[in-house]
Amino acid sequence: MNKTFTVILIVLAILLIAYNVTLVNFNNPLEGNSIIALIGILASLCAIVLLLIFITSRKIKNKIEED
């Protein structure tokens, strides 16, 4: 995967977080569709973390290959 594709995936995950925040009922966040939205937010955050780890590992790999 190249860098632009991973950046696009990160932006899509951020957009999913923004959408899911609008679905959360802050009066009862653990009932009904709110729990599904919270799970979606958590999944998107996990995806962002994994993509950032992937980008970092690619940078480390490139530095090792330069030497």
N, C-alpha and C. Protein backbone atom coordinates (compact mmCIF):
# COMPACT_ATOMS: atom_id res chain seq x y z
N MET A 1 0.84 -1.18 0.00
CA MET A 1 0.00 0.00 0.00
C MET A 1 0.88 1.24 0.00
N ASN A 2 0.51 2.18 -0.81
CA ASN A 2 1.28 3.41 -0.81
C ASN A 2 0.69 4.40 0.20
N LYS A 3 1.40 5.49 0.37
CA LYS A 3 1.06 6.43 1.44
C LYS A 3 -0.28 7.12 1.19
N THR A 4 -0.58 7.44 -0.05
CA THR A 4 -1.85 8.13 -0.32
C THR A 4 -3.05 7.25 0.01
N PHE A 5 -2.93 5.96 -0.27
CA PHE A 5 -4.03 5.05 0.04
C PHE A 5 -4.27 4.95 1.55
N THR A 6 -3.19 4.90 2.32
CA THR A 6 -3.36 4.83 3.77
C THR A 6 -3.92 6.14 4.32
N VAL A 7 -3.53 7.26 3.74
CA VAL A 7 -4.08 8.55 4.19
C VAL A 7 -5.57 8.61 3.86
N ILE A 8 -5.97 8.10 2.70
CA ILE A 8 -7.38 8.07 2.34
C ILE A 8 -8.16 7.20 3.33
N LEU A 9 -7.59 6.06 3.71
CA LEU A 9 -8.25 5.19 4.69
C LEU A 9 -8.39 5.87 6.04
N ILE A 10 -7.37 6.63 6.45
CA ILE A 10 -7.44 7.35 7.72
C ILE A 10 -8.54 8.42 7.67
N VAL A 11 -8.63 9.13 6.55
CA VAL A 11 -9.66 10.16 6.40
C VAL A 11 -11.05 9.52 6.43
N LEU A 12 -11.21 8.38 5.78
CA LEU A 12 -12.50 7.68 5.81
C LEU A 12 -12.86 7.24 7.23
N ALA A 13 -11.88 6.79 7.98
CA ALA A 13 -12.13 6.40 9.37
C ALA A 13 -12.55 7.60 10.21
N ILE A 14 -11.93 8.74 9.97
CA ILE A 14 -12.31 9.96 10.70
C ILE A 14 -13.74 10.37 10.34
N LEU A 15 -14.10 10.24 9.07
CA LEU A 15 -15.46 10.55 8.65
C LEU A 15 -16.47 9.60 9.29
N LEU A 16 -16.10 8.33 9.42
CA LEU A 16 -16.98 7.37 10.10
C LEU A 16 -17.15 7.72 11.57
N ILE A 17 -16.09 8.18 12.19
CA ILE A 17 -16.19 8.61 13.60
C ILE A 17 -17.15 9.79 13.70
N ALA A 18 -17.01 10.75 12.81
CA ALA A 18 -17.88 11.94 12.85
C ALA A 18 -19.35 11.54 12.64
N TYR A 19 -19.59 10.62 11.72
CA TYR A 19 -20.97 10.17 11.48
C TYR A 19 -21.52 9.44 12.70
N ASN A 20 -20.73 8.57 13.29
CA ASN A 20 -21.20 7.79 14.43
C ASN A 20 -21.43 8.66 15.66
N VAL A 21 -20.67 9.73 15.80
CA VAL A 21 -20.89 10.64 16.93
C VAL A 21 -22.28 11.28 16.83
N THR A 22 -22.74 11.52 15.60
CA THR A 22 -24.07 12.11 15.44
C THR A 22 -25.18 11.12 15.81
N LEU A 23 -24.88 9.83 15.80
CA LEU A 23 -25.89 8.82 16.13
C LEU A 23 -25.97 8.51 17.61
N VAL A 24 -25.00 8.95 18.39
CA VAL A 24 -24.99 8.63 19.81
C VAL A 24 -26.00 9.51 20.55
N ASN A 25 -26.83 8.87 21.36
CA ASN A 25 -27.74 9.58 22.24
C ASN A 25 -27.00 9.79 23.56
N PHE A 26 -26.62 11.01 23.84
CA PHE A 26 -25.77 11.27 24.99
C PHE A 26 -26.52 11.17 26.32
N ASN A 27 -27.85 11.12 26.27
CA ASN A 27 -28.62 10.91 27.50
C ASN A 27 -28.56 9.45 27.94
N ASN A 28 -28.60 8.53 26.98
CA ASN A 28 -28.50 7.10 27.24
C ASN A 28 -27.50 6.49 26.25
N PRO A 29 -26.21 6.65 26.48
CA PRO A 29 -25.24 6.22 25.48
C PRO A 29 -25.07 4.70 25.37
N LEU A 30 -25.59 3.94 26.31
CA LEU A 30 -25.41 2.49 26.27
C LEU A 30 -26.71 1.74 25.94
N GLU A 31 -27.64 2.42 25.30
CA GLU A 31 -28.91 1.79 24.94
C GLU A 31 -29.19 1.96 23.45
N GLY A 32 -29.79 0.93 22.86
CA GLY A 32 -30.27 1.02 21.48
C GLY A 32 -29.16 1.22 20.46
N ASN A 33 -29.41 2.14 19.54
CA ASN A 33 -28.46 2.40 18.46
C ASN A 33 -27.20 3.12 18.94
N SER A 34 -27.26 3.70 20.11
CA SER A 34 -26.10 4.41 20.64
C SER A 34 -24.93 3.46 20.88
N ILE A 35 -25.21 2.27 21.37
CA ILE A 35 -24.13 1.31 21.63
C ILE A 35 -23.49 0.87 20.32
N ILE A 36 -24.30 0.74 19.27
CA ILE A 36 -23.76 0.39 17.96
C ILE A 36 -22.87 1.50 17.44
N ALA A 37 -23.29 2.74 17.64
CA ALA A 37 -22.48 3.88 17.22
C ALA A 37 -21.18 3.94 18.01
N LEU A 38 -21.23 3.64 19.30
CA LEU A 38 -20.00 3.64 20.10
C LEU A 38 -19.04 2.54 19.64
N ILE A 39 -19.59 1.38 19.27
CA ILE A 39 -18.75 0.31 18.75
C ILE A 39 -18.12 0.74 17.42
N GLY A 40 -18.88 1.43 16.59
CA GLY A 40 -18.34 1.95 15.33
C GLY A 40 -17.23 2.96 15.55
N ILE A 41 -17.39 3.81 16.55
CA ILE A 41 -16.35 4.79 16.87
C ILE A 41 -15.09 4.08 17.34
N LEU A 42 -15.25 3.09 18.21
CA LEU A 42 -14.11 2.34 18.70
C LEU A 42 -13.40 1.59 17.58
N ALA A 43 -14.17 0.99 16.68
CA ALA A 43 -13.57 0.27 15.55
C ALA A 43 -12.81 1.21 14.63
N SER A 44 -13.34 2.40 14.40
CA SER A 44 -12.65 3.37 13.56
C SER A 44 -11.36 3.85 14.21
N LEU A 45 -11.40 4.05 15.53
CA LEU A 45 -10.18 4.44 16.24
C LEU A 45 -9.12 3.35 16.16
N CYS A 46 -9.54 2.10 16.27
CA CYS A 46 -8.60 0.98 16.13
C CYS A 46 -7.98 0.94 14.73
N ALA A 47 -8.81 1.20 13.73
CA ALA A 47 -8.31 1.21 12.35
C ALA A 47 -7.28 2.32 12.16
N ILE A 48 -7.52 3.48 12.74
CA ILE A 48 -6.57 4.59 12.63
C ILE A 48 -5.26 4.23 13.29
N VAL A 49 -5.33 3.64 14.48
CA VAL A 49 -4.11 3.25 15.20
C VAL A 49 -3.32 2.22 14.38
N LEU A 50 -4.01 1.23 13.83
CA LEU A 50 -3.32 0.22 13.01
C LEU A 50 -2.68 0.83 11.77
N LEU A 51 -3.36 1.77 11.13
CA LEU A 51 -2.78 2.41 9.95
C LEU A 51 -1.57 3.27 10.32
N LEU A 52 -1.63 3.93 11.46
CA LEU A 52 -0.47 4.72 11.89
C LEU A 52 0.71 3.82 12.23
N ILE A 53 0.45 2.68 12.84
CA ILE A 53 1.51 1.71 13.11
C ILE A 53 2.10 1.21 11.79
N PHE A 54 1.24 0.96 10.81
CA PHE A 54 1.71 0.51 9.50
C PHE A 54 2.61 1.55 8.84
N ILE A 55 2.22 2.83 8.90
CA ILE A 55 3.03 3.89 8.31
C ILE A 55 4.39 3.97 9.01
N THR A 56 4.38 3.87 10.33
CA THR A 56 5.63 3.93 11.09
C THR A 56 6.53 2.76 10.75
N SER A 57 5.95 1.57 10.62
CA SER A 57 6.78 0.40 10.29
C SER A 57 7.36 0.51 8.90
N ARG A 58 6.62 1.11 7.97
CA ARG A 58 7.17 1.32 6.62
C ARG A 58 8.35 2.30 6.65
N LYS A 59 8.25 3.35 7.48
CA LYS A 59 9.36 4.30 7.61
C LYS A 59 10.59 3.62 8.19
N ILE A 60 10.39 2.79 9.20
CA ILE A 60 11.51 2.06 9.81
C ILE A 60 12.13 1.11 8.80
N LYS A 61 11.31 0.42 8.05
CA LYS A 61 11.81 -0.50 7.02
C LYS A 61 12.65 0.23 5.98
N ASN A 62 12.17 1.38 5.55
CA ASN A 62 12.91 2.17 4.54
C ASN A 62 14.25 2.65 5.09
N LYS A 63 14.29 3.06 6.38
CA LYS A 63 15.56 3.50 6.97
C LYS A 63 16.54 2.34 7.08
N ILE A 64 16.04 1.16 7.42
CA ILE A 64 16.93 -0.01 7.54
C ILE A 64 17.48 -0.39 6.17
N GLU A 65 16.65 -0.32 5.14
CA GLU A 65 17.10 -0.67 3.80
C GLU A 65 18.10 0.33 3.23
N GLU A 66 18.06 1.59 3.69
CA GLU A 66 19.01 2.60 3.22
C GLU A 66 20.42 2.29 3.69
N ASP A 67 20.55 1.73 4.88
CA ASP A 67 21.88 1.45 5.44
C ASP A 67 22.46 0.21 4.88
